[in-house]
C-alpha atoms as a PDB file:
ATOM      1  CA  MET A   1     145.408  51.050  39.886  1.00  0.00           C
ATOM      2  CA  ARG A   2     144.766  49.255  43.174  1.00  0.00           C
ATOM      3  CA  ALA A   3     146.869  50.484  46.094  1.00  0.00           C
ATOM      4  CA  GLY A   4     147.659  49.586  49.684  1.00  0.00           C
ATOM      5  CA  ILE A   5     148.971  52.108  52.228  1.00  0.00           C
ATOM      6  CA  VAL A   6     151.635  51.305  54.794  1.00  0.00           C
ATOM      7  CA  GLY A   7     151.997  53.988  57.455  1.00  0.00           C
ATOM      8  CA  VAL A   8     148.741  55.285  58.936  1.00  0.00           C
ATOM      9  CA  GLY A   9     149.927  58.673  60.172  1.00  0.00           C
ATOM     10  CA  PHE A  10     149.447  62.186  58.869  1.00  0.00           C
ATOM     11  CA  MET A  11     150.623  61.535  55.296  1.00  0.00           C
ATOM     12  CA  GLY A  12     148.808  58.200  55.190  1.00  0.00           C
ATOM     13  CA  TRP A  13     145.618  60.094  56.092  1.00  0.00           C
ATOM     14  CA  ILE A  14     146.226  62.714  53.395  1.00  0.00           C
ATOM     15  CA  HIS A  15     146.822  59.979  50.818  1.00  0.00           C
ATOM     16  CA  TYR A  16     143.666  58.195  51.995  1.00  0.00           C
ATOM     17  CA  LEU A  17     141.666  61.376  51.323  1.00  0.00           C
ATOM     18  CA  ALA A  18     143.258  61.671  47.880  1.00  0.00           C
ATOM     19  CA  TYR A  19     142.266  58.122  46.951  1.00  0.00           C
ATOM     20  CA  GLN A  20     138.663  58.956  47.855  1.00  0.00           C
ATOM     21  CA  LYS A  21     138.712  61.689  45.182  1.00  0.00           C
ATOM     22  CA  SER A  22     140.753  59.888  42.522  1.00  0.00           C
ATOM     23  CA  GLN A  23     139.088  58.501  39.395  1.00  0.00           C
ATOM     24  CA  GLN A  24     142.247  56.590  38.411  1.00  0.00           C
ATOM     25  CA  ALA A  25     143.266  54.815  41.612  1.00  0.00           C
ATOM     26  CA  GLU A  26     141.500  52.825  44.309  1.00  0.00           C
ATOM     27  CA  LEU A  27     142.667  52.234  47.864  1.00  0.00           C
ATOM     28  CA  VAL A  28     141.942  48.569  48.514  1.00  0.00           C
ATOM     29  CA  ALA A  29     144.104  47.871  51.567  1.00  0.00           C
ATOM     30  CA  PHE A  30     146.207  49.273  54.388  1.00  0.00           C
ATOM     31  CA  CYS A  31     148.293  47.871  57.192  1.00  0.00           C
ATOM     32  CA  SER A  32     148.909  49.081  60.731  1.00  0.00           C
ATOM     33  CA  ARG A  33     150.218  47.599  63.955  1.00  0.00           C
ATOM     34  CA  ASP A  34     147.640  49.710  65.812  1.00  0.00           C
ATOM     35  CA  GLU A  35     144.430  47.777  66.484  1.00  0.00           C
ATOM     36  CA  GLY A  36     142.394  50.962  66.733  1.00  0.00           C
ATOM     37  CA  LYS A  37     143.560  52.184  63.331  1.00  0.00           C
ATOM     38  CA  ARG A  38     142.842  48.765  61.825  1.00  0.00           C
ATOM     39  CA  SER A  39     139.269  49.188  63.078  1.00  0.00           C
ATOM     40  CA  GLY A  40     139.058  52.568  61.312  1.00  0.00           C
ATOM     41  CA  ASP A  41     139.699  54.915  64.225  1.00  0.00           C
ATOM     42  CA  TRP A  42     141.981  57.499  62.610  1.00  0.00           C
ATOM     43  CA  ARG A  43     140.659  60.353  64.775  1.00  0.00           C
ATOM     44  CA  GLY A  44     143.977  60.964  66.528  1.00  0.00           C
ATOM     45  CA  ILE A  45     145.774  61.989  63.324  1.00  0.00           C
ATOM     46  CA  GLN A  46     146.632  65.677  62.899  1.00  0.00           C
ATOM     47  CA  GLY A  47     149.066  67.675  60.790  1.00  0.00           C
ATOM     48  CA  ASN A  48     149.899  71.176  59.616  1.00  0.00           C
ATOM     49  CA  PHE A  49     147.296  71.245  56.826  1.00  0.00           C
ATOM     50  CA  GLY A  50     144.132  69.470  55.786  1.00  0.00           C
ATOM     51  CA  PRO A  51     141.372  68.146  58.051  1.00  0.00           C
ATOM     52  CA  PRO A  52     142.072  66.080  61.183  1.00  0.00           C
ATOM     53  CA  GLY A  53     141.651  62.316  61.026  1.00  0.00           C
ATOM     54  CA  GLU A  54     138.222  60.731  61.271  1.00  0.00           C
ATOM     55  CA  GLN A  55     136.560  57.387  61.865  1.00  0.00           C
ATOM     56  CA  ILE A  56     136.717  55.683  58.460  1.00  0.00           C
ATOM     57  CA  ASP A  57     134.765  52.780  57.003  1.00  0.00           C
ATOM     58  CA  VAL A  58     137.145  49.846  56.530  1.00  0.00           C
ATOM     59  CA  SER A  59     134.506  47.324  55.466  1.00  0.00           C
ATOM     60  CA  GLY A  60     135.449  47.585  51.788  1.00  0.00           C
ATOM     61  CA  MET A  61     139.211  47.225  52.330  1.00  0.00           C
ATOM     62  CA  ASN A  62     141.626  44.449  53.179  1.00  0.00           C
ATOM     63  CA  VAL A  63     143.199  45.344  56.529  1.00  0.00           C
ATOM     64  CA  TYR A  64     146.503  43.854  57.700  1.00  0.00           C
ATOM     65  CA  ASP A  65     148.666  44.072  60.799  1.00  0.00           C
ATOM     66  CA  SER A  66     151.960  44.097  58.875  1.00  0.00           C
ATOM     67  CA  LEU A  67     153.465  44.967  55.519  1.00  0.00           C
ATOM     68  CA  ASP A  68     154.573  41.347  55.124  1.00  0.00           C
ATOM     69  CA  ALA A  69     150.956  40.212  55.308  1.00  0.00           C
ATOM     70  CA  MET A  70     149.750  42.928  52.920  1.00  0.00           C
ATOM     71  CA  LEU A  71     152.392  42.022  50.338  1.00  0.00           C
ATOM     72  CA  LEU A  72     150.739  38.604  49.953  1.00  0.00           C
ATOM     73  CA  ASP A  73     147.600  40.327  48.618  1.00  0.00           C
ATOM     74  CA  ASP A  74     147.627  39.683  44.858  1.00  0.00           C
ATOM     75  CA  SER A  75     144.946  42.339  44.262  1.00  0.00           C
ATOM     76  CA  ILE A  76     147.386  45.172  45.071  1.00  0.00           C
ATOM     77  CA  ASP A  77     149.361  46.821  42.245  1.00  0.00           C
ATOM     78  CA  LEU A  78     151.134  49.525  44.244  1.00  0.00           C
ATOM     79  CA  ILE A  79     152.397  49.931  47.808  1.00  0.00           C
ATOM     80  CA  ASP A  80     151.982  53.534  48.958  1.00  0.00           C
ATOM     81  CA  ILE A  81     154.670  54.099  51.610  1.00  0.00           C
ATOM     82  CA  CYS A  82     153.825  56.793  54.159  1.00  0.00           C
ATOM     83  CA  LEU A  83     156.127  55.623  56.942  1.00  0.00           C
ATOM     84  CA  PRO A  84     158.731  57.757  58.770  1.00  0.00           C
ATOM     85  CA  PRO A  85     161.782  58.249  56.503  1.00  0.00           C
ATOM     86  CA  ALA A  86     164.041  55.897  58.468  1.00  0.00           C
ATOM     87  CA  LEU A  87     161.664  53.024  57.642  1.00  0.00           C
ATOM     88  CA  HIS A  88     161.432  53.679  53.893  1.00  0.00           C
ATOM     89  CA  ALA A  89     164.333  51.474  52.813  1.00  0.00           C
ATOM     90  CA  GLU A  90     163.072  48.226  54.340  1.00  0.00           C
ATOM     91  CA  ALA A  91     159.522  48.797  53.085  1.00  0.00           C
ATOM     92  CA  ILE A  92     160.721  49.545  49.535  1.00  0.00           C
ATOM     93  CA  GLU A  93     163.028  46.529  49.463  1.00  0.00           C
ATOM     94  CA  LYS A  94     160.266  44.179  50.628  1.00  0.00           C
ATOM     95  CA  SER A  95     157.701  45.645  48.214  1.00  0.00           C
ATOM     96  CA  ILE A  96     159.958  45.386  45.160  1.00  0.00           C
ATOM     97  CA  ALA A  97     160.968  41.827  46.123  1.00  0.00           C
ATOM     98  CA  ALA A  98     157.249  40.962  46.262  1.00  0.00           C
ATOM     99  CA  GLY A  99     156.742  42.252  42.716  1.00  0.00           C
ATOM    100  CA  LYS A 100     154.863  45.422  43.660  1.00  0.00           C
ATOM    101  CA  LYS A 101     155.290  48.939  42.338  1.00  0.00           C
ATOM    102  CA  VAL A 102     156.093  51.591  44.950  1.00  0.00           C
ATOM    103  CA  LEU A 103     155.053  55.175  45.566  1.00  0.00           C
ATOM    104  CA  CYS A 104     157.170  56.444  48.477  1.00  0.00           C
ATOM    105  CA  GLU A 105     156.548  59.717  50.288  1.00  0.00           C
ATOM    106  CA  LYS A 106     159.463  62.141  50.222  1.00  0.00           C
ATOM    107  CA  PRO A 107     162.245  61.996  51.222  1.00  0.00           C
ATOM    108  CA  LEU A 108     163.099  58.724  49.507  1.00  0.00           C
ATOM    109  CA  SER A 109     165.839  58.130  52.070  1.00  0.00           C
ATOM    110  CA  LEU A 110     167.961  59.986  54.605  1.00  0.00           C
ATOM    111  CA  SER A 111     171.135  59.812  52.498  1.00  0.00           C
ATOM    112  CA  ALA A 112     171.796  60.370  48.813  1.00  0.00           C
ATOM    113  CA  GLU A 113     173.775  57.142  48.504  1.00  0.00           C
ATOM    114  CA  ASP A 114     170.949  55.032  49.899  1.00  0.00           C
ATOM    115  CA  ALA A 115     168.344  56.959  47.904  1.00  0.00           C
ATOM    116  CA  LEU A 116     170.169  56.201  44.648  1.00  0.00           C
ATOM    117  CA  ARG A 117     170.357  52.522  45.597  1.00  0.00           C
ATOM    118  CA  LEU A 118     166.634  52.394  46.353  1.00  0.00           C
ATOM    119  CA  ALA A 119     165.739  54.234  43.143  1.00  0.00           C
ATOM    120  CA  SER A 120     167.584  51.549  41.165  1.00  0.00           C
ATOM    121  CA  LEU A 121     165.721  48.574  42.654  1.00  0.00           C
ATOM    122  CA  GLY A 122     163.552  46.453  40.373  1.00  0.00           C
ATOM    123  CA  GLU A 123     162.813  47.565  36.850  1.00  0.00           C
ATOM    124  CA  PRO A 124     163.081  51.230  35.782  1.00  0.00           C
ATOM    125  CA  GLY A 125     160.117  53.103  37.204  1.00  0.00           C
ATOM    126  CA  ASP A 126     159.247  50.525  39.865  1.00  0.00           C
ATOM    127  CA  VAL A 127     160.192  53.011  42.614  1.00  0.00           C
ATOM    128  CA  MET A 128     158.325  56.315  42.336  1.00  0.00           C
ATOM    129  CA  VAL A 129     158.694  59.146  44.845  1.00  0.00           C
ATOM    130  CA  ALA A 130     155.863  61.415  45.969  1.00  0.00           C
ATOM    131  CA  HIS A 131     157.231  64.961  45.701  1.00  0.00           C
ATOM    132  CA  VAL A 132     153.909  66.781  45.649  1.00  0.00           C
ATOM    133  CA  LEU A 133     155.123  70.340  44.998  1.00  0.00           C
ATOM    134  CA  PRO A 134     155.142  70.102  41.163  1.00  0.00           C
ATOM    135  CA  PHE A 135     151.556  68.818  41.321  1.00  0.00           C
ATOM    136  CA  MET A 136     150.359  71.979  43.089  1.00  0.00           C
ATOM    137  CA  PRO A 137     149.013  74.402  40.467  1.00  0.00           C
ATOM    138  CA  GLU A 138     151.106  77.372  41.641  1.00  0.00           C
ATOM    139  CA  PHE A 139     154.315  75.338  41.307  1.00  0.00           C
ATOM    140  CA  GLY A 140     153.167  73.096  38.478  1.00  0.00           C
ATOM    141  CA  LEU A 141     152.931  76.140  36.206  1.00  0.00           C
ATOM    142  CA  LEU A 142     156.721  76.510  36.498  1.00  0.00           C
ATOM    143  CA  VAL A 143     157.219  72.865  35.560  1.00  0.00           C
ATOM    144  CA  ASP A 144     154.823  73.103  32.619  1.00  0.00           C
ATOM    145  CA  ALA A 145     156.420  76.321  31.343  1.00  0.00           C
ATOM    146  CA  ASN A 146     159.851  74.726  31.550  1.00  0.00           C
ATOM    147  CA  ALA A 147     158.633  71.648  29.683  1.00  0.00           C
ATOM    148  CA  ASP A 148     156.926  73.427  26.789  1.00  0.00           C
ATOM    149  CA  GLY A 149     159.186  76.507  26.576  1.00  0.00           C
ATOM    150  CA  ARG A 150     156.302  78.988  26.473  1.00  0.00           C
ATOM    151  CA  TYR A 151     158.462  81.700  28.121  1.00  0.00           C
ATOM    152  CA  GLY A 152     161.855  80.420  27.037  1.00  0.00           C
ATOM    153  CA  LYS A 153     164.331  78.823  29.436  1.00  0.00           C
ATOM    154  CA  PRO A 154     164.342  79.459  33.202  1.00  0.00           C
ATOM    155  CA  ILE A 155     167.354  81.672  33.933  1.00  0.00           C
ATOM    156  CA  ALA A 156     167.032  82.715  37.605  1.00  0.00           C
ATOM    157  CA  GLY A 157     165.152  81.779  40.732  1.00  0.00           C
ATOM    158  CA  ARG A 158     164.656  82.529  44.423  1.00  0.00           C
ATOM    159  CA  PHE A 159     162.813  80.046  46.638  1.00  0.00           C
ATOM    160  CA  LYS A 160     161.729  80.189  50.293  1.00  0.00           C
ATOM    161  CA  ARG A 161     160.255  77.684  52.748  1.00  0.00           C
ATOM    162  CA  THR A 162     159.965  78.435  56.459  1.00  0.00           C
ATOM    163  CA  ILE A 163     158.167  76.818  59.393  1.00  0.00           C
ATOM    164  CA  SER A 164     157.676  77.406  63.106  1.00  0.00           C
ATOM    165  CA  PRO A 165     159.267  74.891  65.491  1.00  0.00           C
ATOM    166  CA  PRO A 166     157.920  71.397  64.634  1.00  0.00           C
ATOM    167  CA  ASP A 167     157.520  70.427  68.278  1.00  0.00           C
ATOM    168  CA  TRP A 168     155.249  67.502  67.368  1.00  0.00           C
ATOM    169  CA  ILE A 169     158.293  65.747  65.829  1.00  0.00           C
ATOM    170  CA  PRO A 170     160.685  65.143  68.749  1.00  0.00           C
ATOM    171  CA  ASP A 171     163.478  63.719  66.542  1.00  0.00           C
ATOM    172  CA  PHE A 172     163.154  66.364  63.813  1.00  0.00           C
ATOM    173  CA  TYR A 173     166.862  67.311  63.955  1.00  0.00           C
ATOM    174  CA  GLN A 174     168.200  63.746  63.990  1.00  0.00           C
ATOM    175  CA  LEU A 175     169.865  62.901  60.678  1.00  0.00           C
ATOM    176  CA  ASP A 176     169.244  59.172  61.107  1.00  0.00           C
ATOM    177  CA  SER A 177     165.478  59.424  61.657  1.00  0.00           C
ATOM    178  CA  VAL A 178     163.935  62.600  60.146  1.00  0.00           C
ATOM    179  CA  GLY A 179     166.845  64.578  58.716  1.00  0.00           C
ATOM    180  CA  GLY A 180     166.209  68.120  59.915  1.00  0.00           C
ATOM    181  CA  PRO A 181     164.964  71.154  57.947  1.00  0.00           C
ATOM    182  CA  LEU A 182     166.966  70.462  54.782  1.00  0.00           C
ATOM    183  CA  ILE A 183     165.943  66.818  54.257  1.00  0.00           C
ATOM    184  CA  ASP A 184     162.404  67.161  55.606  1.00  0.00           C
ATOM    185  CA  LEU A 185     161.493  70.660  54.416  1.00  0.00           C
ATOM    186  CA  HIS A 186     163.887  72.144  51.872  1.00  0.00           C
ATOM    187  CA  VAL A 187     164.005  68.907  49.857  1.00  0.00           C
ATOM    188  CA  HIS A 188     160.794  70.140  48.193  1.00  0.00           C
ATOM    189  CA  ASP A 189     162.626  73.144  46.736  1.00  0.00           C
ATOM    190  CA  ALA A 190     165.807  71.172  46.026  1.00  0.00           C
ATOM    191  CA  HIS A 191     163.712  68.795  43.912  1.00  0.00           C
ATOM    192  CA  LEU A 192     161.990  71.673  42.094  1.00  0.00           C
ATOM    193  CA  ILE A 193     165.335  73.384  41.431  1.00  0.00           C
ATOM    194  CA  ARG A 194     166.665  70.083  40.049  1.00  0.00           C
ATOM    195  CA  VAL A 195     163.625  69.774  37.754  1.00  0.00           C
ATOM    196  CA  LEU A 196     163.849  73.373  36.475  1.00  0.00           C
ATOM    197  CA  PHE A 197     167.589  74.064  36.288  1.00  0.00           C
ATOM    198  CA  GLY A 198     169.322  70.686  36.346  1.00  0.00           C
ATOM    199  CA  MET A 199     171.932  69.493  38.819  1.00  0.00           C
ATOM    200  CA  PRO A 200     174.072  72.294  40.294  1.00  0.00           C
ATOM    201  CA  GLU A 201     177.836  71.975  40.113  1.00  0.00           C
ATOM    202  CA  SER A 202     178.198  73.159  43.709  1.00  0.00           C
ATOM    203  CA  VAL A 203     176.427  75.068  46.465  1.00  0.00           C
ATOM    204  CA  GLU A 204     177.411  77.768  48.950  1.00  0.00           C
ATOM    205  CA  THR A 205     175.384  77.848  52.163  1.00  0.00           C
ATOM    206  CA  ALA A 206     175.315  80.177  55.157  1.00  0.00           C
ATOM    207  CA  CYS A 207     173.416  78.686  58.073  1.00  0.00           C
ATOM    208  CA  LEU A 208     172.693  78.591  61.761  1.00  0.00           C
ATOM    209  CA  ARG A 209     172.906  75.063  63.142  1.00  0.00           C
ATOM    210  CA  ARG A 210     171.322  73.033  65.900  1.00  0.00           C
ATOM    211  CA  ASP A 211     173.285  69.969  67.019  1.00  0.00           C
ATOM    212  CA  GLY A 212     175.337  70.212  63.827  1.00  0.00           C
ATOM    213  CA  VAL A 213     172.269  70.269  61.568  1.00  0.00           C
ATOM    214  CA  ALA A 214     171.358  73.303  59.447  1.00  0.00           C
ATOM    215  CA  LYS A 215     168.382  75.040  61.059  1.00  0.00           C
ATOM    216  CA  LEU A 216     168.172  78.370  59.205  1.00  0.00           C
ATOM    217  CA  TYR A 217     169.908  78.548  55.841  1.00  0.00           C
ATOM    218  CA  GLU A 218     170.489  80.621  52.717  1.00  0.00           C
ATOM    219  CA  THR A 219     172.040  78.847  49.742  1.00  0.00           C
ATOM    220  CA  VAL A 220     173.353  79.923  46.342  1.00  0.00           C
ATOM    221  CA  PHE A 221     173.401  77.148  43.736  1.00  0.00           C
ATOM    222  CA  ARG A 222     176.183  77.238  41.138  1.00  0.00           C
ATOM    223  CA  PHE A 223     175.349  76.176  37.574  1.00  0.00           C
ATOM    224  CA  PRO A 224     177.707  76.094  34.569  1.00  0.00           C
ATOM    225  CA  GLU A 225     175.395  78.517  32.750  1.00  0.00           C
ATOM    226  CA  GLY A 226     175.743  81.029  35.598  1.00  0.00           C
ATOM    227  CA  TYR A 227     172.046  80.982  36.561  1.00  0.00           C
ATOM    228  CA  PRO A 228     171.508  83.027  39.758  1.00  0.00           C
ATOM    229  CA  VAL A 229     169.479  80.550  41.828  1.00  0.00           C
ATOM    230  CA  SER A 230     169.065  80.715  45.595  1.00  0.00           C
ATOM    231  CA  ALA A 231     166.886  79.252  48.336  1.00  0.00           C
ATOM    232  CA  GLY A 232     166.363  80.089  51.987  1.00  0.00           C
ATOM    233  CA  GLY A 233     164.331  79.086  54.973  1.00  0.00           C
ATOM    234  CA  GLY A 234     164.258  76.572  57.783  1.00  0.00           C
ATOM    235  CA  VAL A 235     162.884  76.854  61.295  1.00  0.00           C
ATOM    236  CA  ILE A 236     162.158  80.235  62.919  1.00  0.00           C
ATOM    237  CA  ASP A 237     161.870  80.150  66.715  1.00  0.00           C
ATOM    238  CA  THR A 238     158.336  81.425  67.088  1.00  0.00           C
ATOM    239  CA  PRO A 239     155.056  79.544  66.702  1.00  0.00           C
ATOM    240  CA  ALA A 240     153.602  82.732  65.205  1.00  0.00           C
ATOM    241  CA  ARG A 241     155.370  82.067  61.900  1.00  0.00           C
ATOM    242  CA  GLY A 242     153.397  78.969  61.006  1.00  0.00           C
ATOM    243  CA  PHE A 243     154.368  78.192  57.445  1.00  0.00           C
ATOM    244  CA  THR A 244     155.592  80.147  54.426  1.00  0.00           C
ATOM    245  CA  HIS A 245     156.569  79.093  50.929  1.00  0.00           C
ATOM    246  CA  GLY A 246     157.036  80.912  47.664  1.00  0.00           C
ATOM    247  CA  TYR A 247     159.288  81.826  44.775  1.00  0.00           C
ATOM    248  CA  GLU A 248     160.235  84.290  42.077  1.00  0.00           C
ATOM    249  CA  VAL A 249     161.451  82.557  38.917  1.00  0.00           C
ATOM    250  CA  SER A 250     162.583  84.371  35.786  1.00  0.00           C
ATOM    251  CA  PHE A 251     162.358  82.816  32.352  1.00  0.00           C
ATOM    252  CA  GLU A 252     163.815  84.430  29.234  1.00  0.00           C
ATOM    253  CA  ARG A 253     160.500  86.157  28.438  1.00  0.00           C
ATOM    254  CA  ALA A 254     158.602  86.286  31.738  1.00  0.00           C
ATOM    255  CA  THR A 255     158.991  86.332  35.519  1.00  0.00           C
ATOM    256  CA  ILE A 256     156.589  84.387  37.741  1.00  0.00           C
ATOM    257  CA  GLN A 257     155.916  85.169  41.417  1.00  0.00           C
ATOM    258  CA  PHE A 258     153.992  83.399  44.153  1.00  0.00           C
ATOM    259  CA  GLU A 259     154.035  83.374  47.959  1.00  0.00           C
ATOM    260  CA  PHE A 260     151.776  82.080  50.712  1.00  0.00           C
ATOM    261  CA  ALA A 261     152.178  82.536  54.477  1.00  0.00           C
ATOM    262  CA  ALA A 262     150.019  81.116  57.267  1.00  0.00           C
ATOM    263  CA  TYR A 263     150.233  82.524  60.814  1.00  0.00           C
ATOM    264  CA  ALA A 264     149.401  81.081  64.210  1.00  0.00           C
ATOM    265  CA  ASP A 265     146.363  83.329  64.699  1.00  0.00           C
ATOM    266  CA  GLY A 266     144.652  81.787  61.690  1.00  0.00           C
ATOM    267  CA  THR A 267     145.379  84.682  59.320  1.00  0.00           C
ATOM    268  CA  ASN A 268     147.403  84.367  56.142  1.00  0.00           C
ATOM    269  CA  ALA A 269     149.027  86.498  53.483  1.00  0.00           C
ATOM    270  CA  THR A 270     149.346  85.722  49.804  1.00  0.00           C
ATOM    271  CA  ILE A 271     151.026  87.042  46.698  1.00  0.00           C
ATOM    272  CA  PRO A 272     148.702  85.327  44.202  1.00  0.00           C
ATOM    273  CA  LEU A 273     150.505  83.770  41.274  1.00  0.00           C
ATOM    274  CA  VAL A 274     151.370  86.509  38.794  1.00  0.00           C
ATOM    275  CA  ILE A 275     153.147  86.333  35.442  1.00  0.00           C
ATOM    276  CA  LEU A 276     155.111  89.455  34.499  1.00  0.00           C
ATOM    277  CA  HIS A 277     155.578  89.352  30.741  1.00  0.00           C
ATOM    278  CA  GLN A 278     158.511  90.871  28.869  1.00  0.00           C
ATOM    279  CA  ASP A 279     156.155  93.229  27.007  1.00  0.00           C
ATOM    280  CA  GLY A 280     155.025  94.814  30.290  1.00  0.00           C
ATOM    281  CA  THR A 281     151.691  93.035  30.619  1.00  0.00           C
ATOM    282  CA  VAL A 282     150.670  91.389  33.889  1.00  0.00           C
ATOM    283  CA  GLU A 283     148.758  88.095  33.927  1.00  0.00           C
ATOM    284  CA  CYS A 284     147.039  86.628  37.001  1.00  0.00           C
ATOM    285  CA  PRO A 285     145.952  83.050  36.257  1.00  0.00           C
ATOM    286  CA  GLU A 286     142.965  81.639  38.126  1.00  0.00           C
ATOM    287  CA  PHE A 287     143.117  78.044  39.336  1.00  0.00           C
ATOM    288  CA  GLY A 288     139.557  77.670  40.533  1.00  0.00           C
ATOM    289  CA  GLY A 289     138.491  76.420  43.929  1.00  0.00           C
ATOM    290  CA  SER A 290     140.743  73.389  44.280  1.00  0.00           C
ATOM    291  CA  ASP A 291     141.614  72.300  47.820  1.00  0.00           C
ATOM    292  CA  GLN A 292     144.933  71.087  49.208  1.00  0.00           C
ATOM    293  CA  ILE A 293     144.074  67.424  48.706  1.00  0.00           C
ATOM    294  CA  ASP A 294     143.696  67.881  44.935  1.00  0.00           C
ATOM    295  CA  SER A 295     147.465  68.124  44.479  1.00  0.00           C
ATOM    296  CA  PHE A 296     147.854  64.708  46.084  1.00  0.00           C
ATOM    297  CA  VAL A 297     145.119  63.370  43.797  1.00  0.00           C
ATOM    298  CA  ASN A 298     147.155  64.607  40.822  1.00  0.00           C
ATOM    299  CA  GLU A 299     150.252  62.898  42.217  1.00  0.00           C
ATOM    300  CA  ILE A 300     148.484  59.571  42.774  1.00  0.00           C
ATOM    301  CA  ASP A 301     146.843  59.768  39.338  1.00  0.00           C
ATOM    302  CA  ALA A 302     150.310  60.243  37.813  1.00  0.00           C
ATOM    303  CA  ALA A 303     151.422  57.028  39.532  1.00  0.00           C
ATOM    304  CA  ALA A 304     148.339  55.238  38.213  1.00  0.00           C
ATOM    305  CA  LYS A 305     149.107  56.450  34.691  1.00  0.00           C
ATOM    306  CA  ALA A 306     152.674  55.193  35.019  1.00  0.00           C
ATOM    307  CA  ILE A 307     151.452  51.727  35.952  1.00  0.00           C
ATOM    308  CA  ALA A 308     148.892  51.709  33.134  1.00  0.00           C
ATOM    309  CA  THR A 309     151.274  52.906  30.404  1.00  0.00           C
ATOM    310  CA  GLY A 310     154.741  51.964  31.653  1.00  0.00           C
ATOM    311  CA  GLU A 311     155.867  55.584  31.230  1.00  0.00           C
ATOM    312  CA  VAL A 312     156.783  57.215  34.537  1.00  0.00           C
ATOM    313  CA  SER A 313     156.429  60.971  34.933  1.00  0.00           C
ATOM    314  CA  PRO A 314     159.831  62.614  35.485  1.00  0.00           C
ATOM    315  CA  LEU A 315     158.215  64.297  38.494  1.00  0.00           C
ATOM    316  CA  LEU A 316     157.982  60.882  40.220  1.00  0.00           C
ATOM    317  CA  ASP A 317     161.400  59.654  39.084  1.00  0.00           C
ATOM    318  CA  GLY A 318     163.392  58.089  41.914  1.00  0.00           C
ATOM    319  CA  LYS A 319     166.764  59.241  40.586  1.00  0.00           C
ATOM    320  CA  LEU A 320     165.649  62.886  40.541  1.00  0.00           C
ATOM    321  CA  ALA A 321     164.481  62.422  44.133  1.00  0.00           C
ATOM    322  CA  ALA A 322     167.926  61.047  45.006  1.00  0.00           C
ATOM    323  CA  ASP A 323     169.524  64.088  43.355  1.00  0.00           C
ATOM    324  CA  ALA A 324     167.417  66.355  45.575  1.00  0.00           C
ATOM    325  CA  ILE A 325     168.768  64.598  48.673  1.00  0.00           C
ATOM    326  CA  GLN A 326     172.311  64.960  47.324  1.00  0.00           C
ATOM    327  CA  ILE A 327     171.743  68.717  46.995  1.00  0.00           C
ATOM    328  CA  CYS A 328     170.537  68.865  50.603  1.00  0.00           C
ATOM    329  CA  GLU A 329     173.604  66.958  51.782  1.00  0.00           C
ATOM    330  CA  TRP A 330     175.868  69.453  50.034  1.00  0.00           C
ATOM    331  CA  GLN A 331     174.014  72.277  51.782  1.00  0.00           C
ATOM    332  CA  ASN A 332     174.490  70.710  55.203  1.00  0.00           C
ATOM    333  CA  ALA A 333     178.202  69.947  54.701  1.00  0.00           C
END
């Protein structure tokens, strides 16, 4: 698969690093309005994980100053959209009209209605959405266990995802540009809940709000089977908190736990992934020395496989991504 990136910011940089490690996909182009970035100066890019941006070698790539220009490049199979969420719709529409496949960073859109419309553009599978969580080994084990039934059905779950104030995103709480903690942050867990348990019938959320947008939240998801599923998190008003995510999910014959927290002083705390079997045994799987970029390699390789075979992984399915946004909208109502 030959890809071109639009959006040379933090996620564009992370995707660039993933393409350098992929054996299934090649980054052949990118576009940016910034002359410095077009020359390869990505040193100003920083985020909340991974290495900072670097000076890159652009001599082997086709470099464009606009998406319109890049879409004329017949060598590109897939447009990898890493733009701010408010710009996703136009980029997807143009890419599909030009006959390209799309891999769009989450969230697909800022509203469920628009997300469903975008997911339906082109042929089935033309619009794929990059929800990386199921491609991380600690979360992917849940997805794999659900798919093959090794522990029976998932019957309960608690999920958490918390960050310190994202001061580097000035419009973080604006629903028409970033979407706030639910659309930008919790959508990861909403998508995973959708994959594991299906679509909830309703939700019940307690939250503290900022400018009408849920900031700190705890939600119970109602399913017809009565599964006790909940999720909590959001923004905590101290930079010391950094980032935390984790879960405890019970299947019929095992319970799986995992949690990771990073703090502002550079320390962290972890509950390594543990499987608590019904017979009383405890299993602690080892995932080797993979780094954070490897999960994005897995995600991009899944997109490459979809283009090669015509069979899109459910984990990249645009309609599931739209369902996740619908769940978040219910939570913020």
